[in-house]
Amino acid sequence: MTPDVDLTLLKPGRHAVRDTLLALDCRLFEFAAARNWPLAEPVLPRLSRSANHGVLWFAAASAMTASRTPRARRAAARGLASLSLASLTINTLGKRSVRRTRPVLDPVPLVRRLKRQPITTSFPSGHSASAAAFAAGVALESPAWGAAVAPIAWSVALSRVYTGVHFPSDVLAGAALGVGAAYAVRGMVPTRAQIVPPARPRAEVPALPDGEGLVVVANDAAGSADRVHALQDALPGCEVVECRPEDVPAELEKAAARARVLGVCGGDGTVNAAAEVALRHDLPLAVLPGGTLNHFAYDLGLESAGDLAKAVRGGEGVRVDAGRFSCGDAKGIFLNTCSLGVYPELVRERDRWSRRIGGWPAGVLAALRVLRADRHPLEAEFRGRAHPLWLLFVGNGTYQRVGLTPGRRHDLADGQLDVRVVHGGRRPAVRLLAAALAGPLTRSPVHAAVQVGRLRLAGVAPGSLLAYDGEVTRVEGEVTLEKLPEALTVYRPLPGN
């Protein structure tokens, strides 16, 4: 029996091509219904039901995120964003544009049919769109994860014909729409692979084919054991020293005395300590990300032990800027950011809770506690005038937005301090949120931004907190922040090598 179709789509004498395609679609549906599909009966109906409301894809994204690799997390987020766009398009435009009835189920064996039949129109297939969108979005960020997800997505799309709820053309149209949604998301938010930091200025660094001469100090509190072991597998000649956080500075000094290359594995604070030692001993630095955020390593393009091992084996490196702050006897460098005002209080509050509930939950709790507290803004003199400030942010290099993504640096040797200011006033939480939404705008009623090579603050109140790369110290009086252009030599894989 030929399934019913919307009669408005069949206009004899005027749409012969459409009539032919629809008839072919119906015959393909009947052919699929008549075929015996070995091993499909216990699998495809269940798989089709598991994809209802995107449950299957949310579970897949959770599994990818649990792998704790940044590329997997980005792939999961991109897959879900693509799925959301595809679902929105299907529900607002697709289903309402072509009101095609569902296939008649007579040719479909009872064992294949879904217990609950869909009541929406047939064209296009929402399940197929979601499956293709998620798989394509994942693959655009991580081809390896995309290859793992693709067979599942293909099976979900196939199950919609197998169970008799869609014609083949519904599935094809839905899949095409899903892939288009993934590419649309990539247009708004480019993948990390599309934005490669410039490979300049290149630095002469020793090539260590098996890692001999590389001494890596690993902060064992950062949960980095797996990454350290992966690096040792890739570079069996390297030496690894695992130590507690309080022993990191001493072990870095010992390592610098015998190493050709100083390596470090840990979070941004640990990397900061290693950079200071590398600068003092004039050693190249090899950074293996092993913390929660790893801003410096990720902006370099280092995401895994494989990335670092490739650079060390090939002798691939660049020179990057460092920032420096000084206030009386308090001084130090920063590779990522330095800030005064609300943010240092947030860092201190986050550190209080992170060991109990984990890094990300502690960050959320700290933000809620800090922004709800009753406090006065920081008073500081900036460019000869006294200003009340809720936040002064200084980045080592210019932070930019790409599409709708949060800020990151594309050039770690641009010679600039990226200064962002949130002015003092009432309701700090509202002002900070408004500044965050303002993003790259250089000036707004609550927010200002400027790029300079050196900055001097006077009149900083005694006991004010200054945060740098996740560490916190107290400052007062005059604070000077400046760039050290191309001061640090680091390993990083170079494009095309």
Protein backbone atom coordinates (compact mmCIF):
# COMPACT_ATOMS: atom_id res chain seq x y z
CA MET A 1 0.00 0.00 0.00
CA THR A 2 1.33 3.42 -0.94
CA PRO A 3 1.40 5.77 2.08
CA ASP A 4 -0.74 8.89 2.02
CA VAL A 5 0.90 12.22 1.25
CA ASP A 6 -0.38 15.78 1.44
CA LEU A 7 -2.53 16.34 -1.65
CA THR A 8 -1.40 19.97 -1.87
CA LEU A 9 1.99 18.65 -2.91
CA LEU A 10 0.53 16.63 -5.76
CA LYS A 11 -0.81 18.83 -8.54
CA PRO A 12 -1.17 16.75 -11.74
CA GLY A 13 0.23 18.37 -14.84
CA ARG A 14 2.10 21.09 -13.00
CA HIS A 15 4.58 19.33 -10.73
CA ALA A 16 5.63 16.22 -12.61
CA VAL A 17 9.15 16.21 -11.15
CA ARG A 18 7.80 16.54 -7.63
CA ASP A 19 5.27 13.79 -8.25
CA THR A 20 8.04 11.50 -9.49
CA LEU A 21 10.24 12.18 -6.49
CA LEU A 22 7.42 11.62 -4.03
CA ALA A 23 6.48 8.36 -5.71
CA LEU A 24 10.11 7.24 -5.58
CA ASP A 25 10.23 8.21 -1.91
CA CYS A 26 7.19 6.06 -1.21
CA ARG A 27 8.63 3.09 -3.08
CA LEU A 28 11.91 3.37 -1.13
CA PHE A 29 9.93 3.42 2.11
CA GLU A 30 8.02 0.29 1.09
CA PHE A 31 11.25 -1.41 -0.01
CA ALA A 32 12.86 -0.68 3.39
CA ALA A 33 9.74 -1.92 5.20
CA ALA A 34 9.79 -5.20 3.28
CA ARG A 35 13.45 -5.95 3.93
CA ASN A 36 14.68 -8.19 6.73
CA TRP A 37 17.16 -6.21 8.88
CA PRO A 38 19.31 -8.69 10.86
CA LEU A 39 19.99 -7.67 14.48
CA ALA A 40 18.16 -4.36 13.99
CA GLU A 41 14.91 -5.25 15.74
CA PRO A 42 16.28 -5.15 19.33
CA VAL A 43 18.46 -2.08 18.69
CA LEU A 44 17.04 0.53 16.33
CA PRO A 45 13.62 1.12 17.98
CA ARG A 46 15.30 1.56 21.38
CA LEU A 47 17.93 3.85 19.87
CA SER A 48 15.23 5.90 18.18
CA ARG A 49 13.35 6.33 21.48
CA SER A 50 16.55 7.24 23.36
CA ALA A 51 17.02 10.21 21.03
CA ASN A 52 13.65 11.73 22.02
CA HIS A 53 14.10 15.31 23.24
CA GLY A 54 17.88 15.01 22.66
CA VAL A 55 18.38 12.74 25.70
CA LEU A 56 20.85 10.51 23.84
CA TRP A 57 22.96 13.48 22.76
CA PHE A 58 23.00 15.11 26.18
CA ALA A 59 24.22 11.79 27.58
CA ALA A 60 26.91 11.60 24.89
CA ALA A 61 28.00 15.16 25.66
CA SER A 62 28.23 14.29 29.36
CA ALA A 63 30.42 11.29 28.58
CA MET A 64 32.70 13.43 26.42
CA THR A 65 32.98 16.08 29.10
CA ALA A 66 33.88 13.42 31.67
CA SER A 67 37.03 12.68 29.65
CA ARG A 68 38.42 15.94 31.11
CA THR A 69 40.18 17.03 27.92
CA PRO A 70 39.57 20.60 26.71
CA ARG A 71 39.02 19.49 23.12
CA ALA A 72 36.34 17.00 24.19
CA ARG A 73 34.60 19.66 26.31
CA ARG A 74 34.61 22.10 23.41
CA ALA A 75 33.35 19.39 21.03
CA ALA A 76 30.51 18.52 23.41
CA ALA A 77 29.52 22.17 23.77
CA ARG A 78 29.64 22.72 20.01
CA GLY A 79 27.59 19.59 19.39
CA LEU A 80 24.87 20.72 21.80
CA ALA A 81 24.86 24.25 20.37
CA SER A 82 24.45 22.84 16.85
CA LEU A 83 21.68 20.53 18.04
CA SER A 84 19.87 23.44 19.69
CA LEU A 85 20.01 25.54 16.53
CA ALA A 86 18.80 22.63 14.39
CA SER A 87 15.92 21.88 16.77
CA LEU A 88 14.89 25.54 16.86
CA THR A 89 14.90 25.72 13.06
CA ILE A 90 12.93 22.49 12.68
CA ASN A 91 10.26 23.48 15.19
CA THR A 92 9.80 27.07 14.03
CA LEU A 93 10.21 26.73 10.26
CA GLY A 94 10.69 23.17 9.05
CA LYS A 95 7.58 21.48 10.37
CA ARG A 96 5.37 24.44 9.48
CA SER A 97 6.63 24.95 5.93
CA VAL A 98 5.77 21.49 4.51
CA ARG A 99 2.83 19.78 6.21
CA ARG A 100 3.47 16.26 5.05
CA THR A 101 1.58 13.43 6.70
CA ARG A 102 3.42 10.52 8.30
CA PRO A 103 3.80 7.25 6.38
CA VAL A 104 1.08 4.63 6.67
CA LEU A 105 2.39 1.88 8.94
CA ASP A 106 0.73 -1.10 7.19
CA PRO A 107 3.95 -2.26 5.44
CA VAL A 108 6.01 -1.99 8.66
CA PRO A 109 6.17 -5.14 10.84
CA LEU A 110 4.60 -4.63 14.24
CA VAL A 111 7.83 -5.48 16.08
CA ARG A 112 9.56 -2.46 14.56
CA ARG A 113 6.94 0.16 15.38
CA LEU A 114 7.35 2.68 18.17
CA LYS A 115 4.98 2.34 21.12
CA ARG A 116 4.13 6.03 20.87
CA GLN A 117 3.75 7.37 17.36
CA PRO A 118 4.74 11.00 16.66
CA ILE A 119 1.89 13.43 16.07
CA THR A 120 3.82 16.20 14.28
CA THR A 121 4.18 16.49 10.52
CA SER A 122 6.67 14.23 8.77
CA PHE A 123 8.96 16.62 6.87
CA PRO A 124 11.76 17.09 7.81
CA SER A 125 12.92 14.56 10.42
CA GLY A 126 13.74 16.31 13.68
CA HIS A 127 15.59 13.30 15.07
CA SER A 128 17.81 13.14 11.98
CA ALA A 129 18.49 16.87 12.15
CA SER A 130 19.50 16.65 15.80
CA ALA A 131 21.69 13.60 15.19
CA ALA A 132 23.47 15.14 12.21
CA ALA A 133 23.85 18.50 13.95
CA PHE A 134 25.40 16.99 17.05
CA ALA A 135 27.74 14.68 15.11
CA ALA A 136 28.83 17.41 12.68
CA GLY A 137 29.34 19.94 15.46
CA VAL A 138 31.48 17.48 17.42
CA ALA A 139 33.50 16.55 14.32
CA LEU A 140 34.24 20.18 13.43
CA GLU A 141 35.92 20.62 16.82
CA SER A 142 37.36 17.11 17.27
CA PRO A 143 37.52 14.71 14.28
CA ALA A 144 38.35 11.82 16.60
CA TRP A 145 35.24 12.30 18.74
CA GLY A 146 33.25 12.98 15.58
CA ALA A 147 34.27 9.57 14.21
CA ALA A 148 33.07 7.96 17.44
CA VAL A 149 29.70 9.73 17.38
CA ALA A 150 28.98 9.44 13.64
CA PRO A 151 27.88 5.75 13.62
CA ILE A 152 25.40 6.46 16.41
CA ALA A 153 24.01 9.47 14.56
CA TRP A 154 23.73 7.44 11.36
CA SER A 155 21.88 4.69 13.21
CA VAL A 156 19.42 7.16 14.75
CA ALA A 157 18.66 8.62 11.33
CA LEU A 158 18.25 5.13 9.86
CA SER A 159 15.96 4.12 12.70
CA ARG A 160 13.42 6.73 11.69
CA VAL A 161 12.79 4.92 8.40
CA TYR A 162 13.14 1.48 9.99
CA THR A 163 10.41 2.21 12.56
CA GLY A 164 8.14 3.67 9.89
CA VAL A 165 7.80 7.21 11.24
CA HIS A 166 9.56 8.97 8.33
CA PHE A 167 10.08 8.74 4.60
CA PRO A 168 13.72 8.56 3.40
CA SER A 169 13.54 12.13 2.04
CA ASP A 170 12.45 13.38 5.49
CA VAL A 171 15.61 11.88 6.95
CA LEU A 172 17.89 13.25 4.23
CA ALA A 173 16.42 16.75 4.53
CA GLY A 174 16.71 16.68 8.31
CA ALA A 175 20.32 15.51 8.15
CA ALA A 176 21.20 18.24 5.66
CA LEU A 177 19.59 20.84 7.88
CA GLY A 178 21.49 19.50 10.91
CA VAL A 179 24.84 19.72 9.14
CA GLY A 180 23.98 23.23 8.02
CA ALA A 181 23.23 24.18 11.62
CA ALA A 182 26.66 22.90 12.70
CA TYR A 183 28.37 25.04 10.07
CA ALA A 184 26.25 28.03 11.05
CA VAL A 185 27.41 27.66 14.65
CA ARG A 186 31.00 27.47 13.43
CA GLY A 187 30.44 30.70 11.53
CA MET A 188 29.33 32.42 14.74
CA VAL A 189 31.89 30.73 16.98
CA PRO A 190 35.00 29.59 15.08
CA THR A 191 36.68 26.39 16.19
CA ARG A 192 40.01 26.51 18.02
CA ALA A 193 41.72 25.03 14.93
CA GLN A 194 40.56 28.00 12.82
CA ILE A 195 42.43 30.45 15.03
CA VAL A 196 46.08 29.51 15.33
CA PRO A 197 48.23 31.88 17.40
CA PRO A 198 50.97 33.49 15.28
CA ALA A 199 54.22 31.51 15.26
CA ARG A 200 56.35 34.52 16.02
CA PRO A 201 58.80 35.54 17.15
CA ARG A 202 60.40 32.13 16.67
CA ALA A 203 63.03 31.09 19.17
CA GLU A 204 66.02 28.79 18.97
CA VAL A 205 65.32 25.98 21.42
CA PRO A 206 67.06 22.61 21.78
CA ALA A 207 65.45 19.64 20.06
CA LEU A 208 65.24 16.71 22.49
CA PRO A 209 64.21 13.61 20.46
CA ASP A 210 63.62 11.43 23.52
CA GLY A 211 63.25 14.21 26.10
CA GLU A 212 66.69 13.82 27.69
CA GLY A 213 67.60 17.14 29.33
CA LEU A 214 63.98 18.03 30.11
CA VAL A 215 63.14 18.13 33.82
CA VAL A 216 59.42 18.48 34.56
CA VAL A 217 58.19 19.59 37.98
CA ALA A 218 54.57 18.44 38.46
CA ASN A 219 52.20 19.76 41.10
CA ASP A 220 50.54 16.59 42.35
CA ALA A 221 47.61 18.54 43.82
CA ALA A 222 46.49 19.51 40.30
CA GLY A 223 45.40 15.95 39.43
CA SER A 224 47.90 15.83 36.56
CA ALA A 225 49.27 12.29 36.97
CA ASP A 226 47.70 10.97 33.76
CA ARG A 227 49.16 13.80 31.68
CA VAL A 228 52.61 13.38 33.22
CA HIS A 229 52.57 9.66 32.47
CA ALA A 230 51.49 10.37 28.88
CA LEU A 231 54.42 12.78 28.51
CA GLN A 232 56.84 10.17 29.89
CA ASP A 233 55.52 7.64 27.37
CA ALA A 234 56.11 10.13 24.54
CA LEU A 235 59.50 11.36 25.88
CA PRO A 236 61.01 8.46 27.86
CA GLY A 237 64.26 10.33 28.49
CA CYS A 238 62.66 13.19 30.41
CA GLU A 239 62.83 13.43 34.19
CA VAL A 240 59.66 14.06 36.18
CA VAL A 241 59.57 15.35 39.75
CA GLU A 242 56.14 15.12 41.40
CA CYS A 243 55.75 17.21 44.53
CA ARG A 244 53.26 18.89 46.85
CA PRO A 245 52.22 22.51 46.14
CA GLU A 246 54.32 23.93 48.98
CA ASP A 247 57.43 22.19 47.58
CA VAL A 248 57.02 23.42 44.00
CA PRO A 249 59.26 26.57 44.26
CA ALA A 250 62.17 24.63 45.81
CA GLU A 251 61.90 21.78 43.32
CA LEU A 252 61.82 24.24 40.42
CA GLU A 253 65.07 25.79 41.61
CA LYS A 254 66.70 22.34 41.92
CA ALA A 255 65.45 21.34 38.46
CA ALA A 256 66.74 24.56 36.88
CA ALA A 257 70.24 23.80 38.17
CA ARG A 258 70.52 20.56 36.13
CA ALA A 259 68.09 20.96 33.23
CA ARG A 260 68.60 22.05 29.63
CA VAL A 261 64.85 22.68 29.50
CA LEU A 262 62.65 23.44 32.52
CA GLY A 263 59.26 21.76 32.37
CA VAL A 264 56.20 22.28 34.50
CA CYS A 265 52.83 20.58 34.89
CA GLY A 266 50.10 22.25 36.90
CA GLY A 267 47.68 25.15 36.90
CA ASP A 268 48.33 28.78 36.08
CA GLY A 269 49.84 29.54 39.49
CA THR A 270 52.34 26.68 39.16
CA VAL A 271 53.22 27.75 35.62
CA ASN A 272 53.76 31.31 36.86
CA ALA A 273 56.27 30.07 39.45
CA ALA A 274 58.09 28.04 36.79
CA ALA A 275 58.22 31.01 34.40
CA GLU A 276 59.84 33.17 37.07
CA VAL A 277 62.54 30.52 37.63
CA ALA A 278 63.04 30.04 33.87
CA LEU A 279 63.52 33.79 33.41
CA ARG A 280 66.02 33.96 36.23
CA HIS A 281 68.05 31.02 34.89
CA ASP A 282 67.62 31.92 31.20
CA LEU A 283 66.04 28.53 30.37
CA PRO A 284 63.35 27.65 27.83
CA LEU A 285 60.08 26.59 29.44
CA ALA A 286 58.00 23.53 28.49
CA VAL A 287 54.42 23.84 29.77
CA LEU A 288 52.15 20.82 30.19
CA PRO A 289 48.61 21.93 31.17
CA GLY A 290 47.57 20.20 34.36
CA GLY A 291 45.24 22.54 36.24
CA THR A 292 41.64 23.67 36.01
CA LEU A 293 41.89 26.63 33.62
CA ASN A 294 45.36 26.49 31.96
CA HIS A 295 44.89 29.83 30.17
CA PHE A 296 48.54 30.31 29.22
CA ALA A 297 49.04 26.79 27.85
CA TYR A 298 45.80 26.83 25.86
CA ASP A 299 46.51 30.26 24.37
CA LEU A 300 49.87 28.85 23.26
CA GLY A 301 48.05 26.00 21.53
CA LEU A 302 49.23 23.37 24.03
CA GLU A 303 46.34 21.14 25.07
CA SER A 304 47.88 17.71 25.63
CA ALA A 305 51.08 15.82 26.29
CA GLY A 306 51.20 15.02 22.57
CA ASP A 307 51.28 18.72 21.64
CA LEU A 308 54.17 19.40 24.01
CA ALA A 309 56.08 16.25 23.04
CA LYS A 310 55.89 17.21 19.35
CA ALA A 311 57.35 20.64 20.07
CA VAL A 312 60.13 19.28 22.32
CA ARG A 313 61.15 16.58 19.84
CA GLY A 314 61.22 19.05 16.95
CA GLY A 315 62.80 21.98 18.78
CA GLU A 316 59.82 24.26 18.07
CA GLY A 317 59.51 27.36 20.21
CA VAL A 318 58.60 31.04 20.37
CA ARG A 319 59.30 34.04 22.56
CA VAL A 320 56.39 35.54 24.48
CA ASP A 321 55.82 38.58 26.66
CA ALA A 322 55.57 38.55 30.43
CA GLY A 323 53.89 41.13 32.64
CA ARG A 324 55.50 42.45 35.81
CA PHE A 325 54.01 44.19 38.84
CA SER A 326 55.87 45.94 41.65
CA CYS A 327 54.74 47.63 44.86
CA GLY A 328 57.47 48.29 47.41
CA ASP A 329 58.90 44.91 48.36
CA ALA A 330 56.04 43.03 46.67
CA LYS A 331 56.85 42.16 43.08
CA GLY A 332 56.31 39.38 40.62
CA ILE A 333 55.42 38.46 37.06
CA PHE A 334 52.17 37.43 35.45
CA LEU A 335 51.64 35.44 32.27
CA ASN A 336 47.87 35.83 32.09
CA THR A 337 46.24 38.54 34.18
CA CYS A 338 46.73 40.83 37.13
CA SER A 339 43.80 42.49 38.88
CA LEU A 340 42.68 44.57 41.84
CA GLY A 341 39.22 45.05 43.34
CA VAL A 342 36.51 42.41 43.42
CA TYR A 343 38.32 39.70 41.48
CA PRO A 344 41.15 39.09 44.00
CA GLU A 345 38.50 38.64 46.70
CA LEU A 346 36.75 36.13 44.46
CA VAL A 347 40.04 34.20 43.98
CA ARG A 348 40.65 34.06 47.73
CA GLU A 349 37.08 32.93 48.42
CA ARG A 350 37.28 30.31 45.66
CA ASP A 351 40.50 28.88 47.11
CA ARG A 352 38.79 28.48 50.50
CA TRP A 353 36.14 26.21 49.00
CA SER A 354 37.84 24.50 46.05
CA ARG A 355 39.32 21.59 48.02
CA ARG A 356 35.95 20.82 49.56
CA ILE A 357 33.60 21.05 46.58
CA GLY A 358 35.84 21.30 43.48
CA GLY A 359 37.10 24.17 41.33
CA TRP A 360 34.06 25.12 39.24
CA PRO A 361 31.44 24.89 42.03
CA ALA A 362 33.79 26.85 44.28
CA GLY A 363 34.06 29.58 41.64
CA VAL A 364 30.28 29.92 41.41
CA LEU A 365 29.88 30.00 45.19
CA ALA A 366 32.68 32.56 45.53
CA ALA A 367 31.07 34.85 42.95
CA LEU A 368 27.73 34.72 44.77
CA ARG A 369 29.30 35.45 48.17
CA VAL A 370 31.57 38.25 46.95
CA LEU A 371 28.95 40.09 44.90
CA ARG A 372 26.37 39.94 47.70
CA ALA A 373 28.76 41.32 50.34
CA ASP A 374 28.47 44.94 51.47
CA ARG A 375 31.76 46.67 50.59
CA HIS A 376 33.26 49.91 49.34
CA PRO A 377 34.94 50.19 45.94
CA LEU A 378 38.72 50.34 45.59
CA GLU A 379 40.11 53.88 45.57
CA ALA A 380 43.05 54.31 43.17
CA GLU A 381 44.71 57.16 41.29
CA PHE A 382 44.82 56.48 37.56
CA ARG A 383 46.38 58.95 35.08
CA GLY A 384 46.52 61.67 37.71
CA ARG A 385 42.91 61.38 38.86
CA ALA A 386 41.41 59.49 41.79
CA HIS A 387 38.86 56.87 40.75
CA PRO A 388 36.58 54.52 42.66
CA LEU A 389 36.91 51.12 40.99
CA TRP A 390 35.09 47.84 41.42
CA LEU A 391 37.60 46.06 39.23
CA LEU A 392 40.90 46.76 37.49
CA PHE A 393 41.87 43.99 35.07
CA VAL A 394 45.26 43.96 33.35
CA GLY A 395 45.97 41.26 30.76
CA ASN A 396 49.38 40.20 29.51
CA GLY A 397 48.49 40.74 25.85
CA THR A 398 45.23 41.81 24.27
CA TYR A 399 42.22 39.66 25.04
CA GLN A 400 39.75 39.45 22.18
CA ARG A 401 36.38 37.92 21.52
CA VAL A 402 35.82 35.60 18.57
CA GLY A 403 32.18 35.61 17.50
CA LEU A 404 30.24 34.94 20.71
CA THR A 405 33.07 33.18 22.57
CA PRO A 406 34.71 34.45 25.77
CA GLY A 407 37.94 36.41 25.50
CA ARG A 408 41.25 34.79 24.62
CA ARG A 409 44.59 36.01 23.31
CA HIS A 410 45.69 35.51 19.72
CA ASP A 411 49.12 37.06 20.12
CA LEU A 412 51.27 36.52 23.21
CA ALA A 413 53.99 38.90 22.03
CA ASP A 414 52.05 42.05 21.11
CA GLY A 415 53.81 44.30 23.66
CA GLN A 416 50.53 45.48 25.19
CA LEU A 417 48.86 45.43 28.58
CA ASP A 418 45.11 45.04 28.11
CA VAL A 419 43.60 47.29 30.79
CA ARG A 420 39.87 46.96 31.61
CA VAL A 421 38.21 49.04 34.31
CA VAL A 422 34.78 48.71 35.96
CA HIS A 423 34.00 52.07 37.55
CA GLY A 424 32.83 52.35 41.14
CA GLY A 425 29.24 53.21 42.00
CA ARG A 426 26.12 51.53 43.31
CA ARG A 427 25.23 47.91 42.71
CA PRO A 428 28.58 46.30 41.89
CA ALA A 429 26.99 43.07 40.66
CA VAL A 430 24.97 44.96 38.02
CA ARG A 431 28.00 46.97 36.97
CA LEU A 432 30.21 43.91 36.63
CA LEU A 433 27.55 42.09 34.61
CA ALA A 434 27.10 45.12 32.34
CA ALA A 435 30.87 45.30 31.81
CA ALA A 436 30.99 41.60 30.93
CA LEU A 437 28.19 42.05 28.39
CA ALA A 438 29.93 45.11 26.95
CA GLY A 439 32.77 42.77 25.98
CA PRO A 440 35.17 44.37 23.53
CA LEU A 441 33.57 47.83 23.68
CA THR A 442 36.25 50.34 24.64
CA ARG A 443 33.95 52.56 26.67
CA SER A 444 30.56 52.37 28.32
CA PRO A 445 28.96 54.07 31.36
CA VAL A 446 30.41 51.40 33.64
CA HIS A 447 33.35 50.04 31.68
CA ALA A 448 36.49 51.32 29.96
CA ALA A 449 39.33 49.61 28.11
CA VAL A 450 42.73 50.71 26.87
CA GLN A 451 45.98 49.07 25.69
CA VAL A 452 49.23 50.44 27.10
CA GLY A 453 52.80 49.27 27.66
CA ARG A 454 53.06 50.53 31.25
CA LEU A 455 50.60 51.53 33.97
CA ARG A 456 51.10 53.24 37.32
CA LEU A 457 48.47 53.33 40.06
CA ALA A 458 48.84 55.62 43.07
CA GLY A 459 46.85 55.91 46.26
CA VAL A 460 45.97 52.21 46.51
CA ALA A 461 44.46 51.70 49.95
CA PRO A 462 46.48 49.67 52.50
CA GLY A 463 45.62 45.98 52.54
CA SER A 464 44.19 45.95 49.00
CA LEU A 465 44.33 42.53 47.35
CA LEU A 466 46.10 41.98 44.03
CA ALA A 467 45.57 38.73 42.13
CA TYR A 468 48.02 37.46 39.52
CA ASP A 469 47.64 34.15 37.68
CA GLY A 470 45.45 32.76 40.45
CA GLU A 471 47.73 33.85 43.30
CA VAL A 472 46.89 36.70 45.72
CA THR A 473 49.09 39.23 47.54
CA ARG A 474 48.49 42.50 49.42
CA VAL A 475 49.57 45.89 48.06
CA GLU A 476 49.26 49.54 49.01
CA GLY A 477 50.44 52.94 47.89
CA GLU A 478 51.92 52.91 44.39
CA VAL A 479 51.59 49.90 42.08
CA THR A 480 53.45 49.72 38.76
CA LEU A 481 52.56 47.28 36.01
CA GLU A 482 54.68 46.91 32.89
CA LYS A 483 55.52 44.59 30.00
CA LEU A 484 58.65 42.52 29.56
CA PRO A 485 58.54 42.13 25.75
CA GLU A 486 59.55 38.72 24.39
CA ALA A 487 61.18 37.90 27.71
CA LEU A 488 60.21 34.22 28.00
CA THR A 489 61.07 31.38 25.61
CA VAL A 490 58.53 28.58 25.48
CA TYR A 491 57.98 25.40 23.48
CA ARG A 492 54.94 25.20 21.26
CA PRO A 493 54.17 23.24 18.08
CA LEU A 494 54.55 25.48 15.04
CA PRO A 495 52.01 25.44 12.19
CA GLY A 496 53.10 23.46 9.16
CA ASN A 497 55.80 21.49 10.98
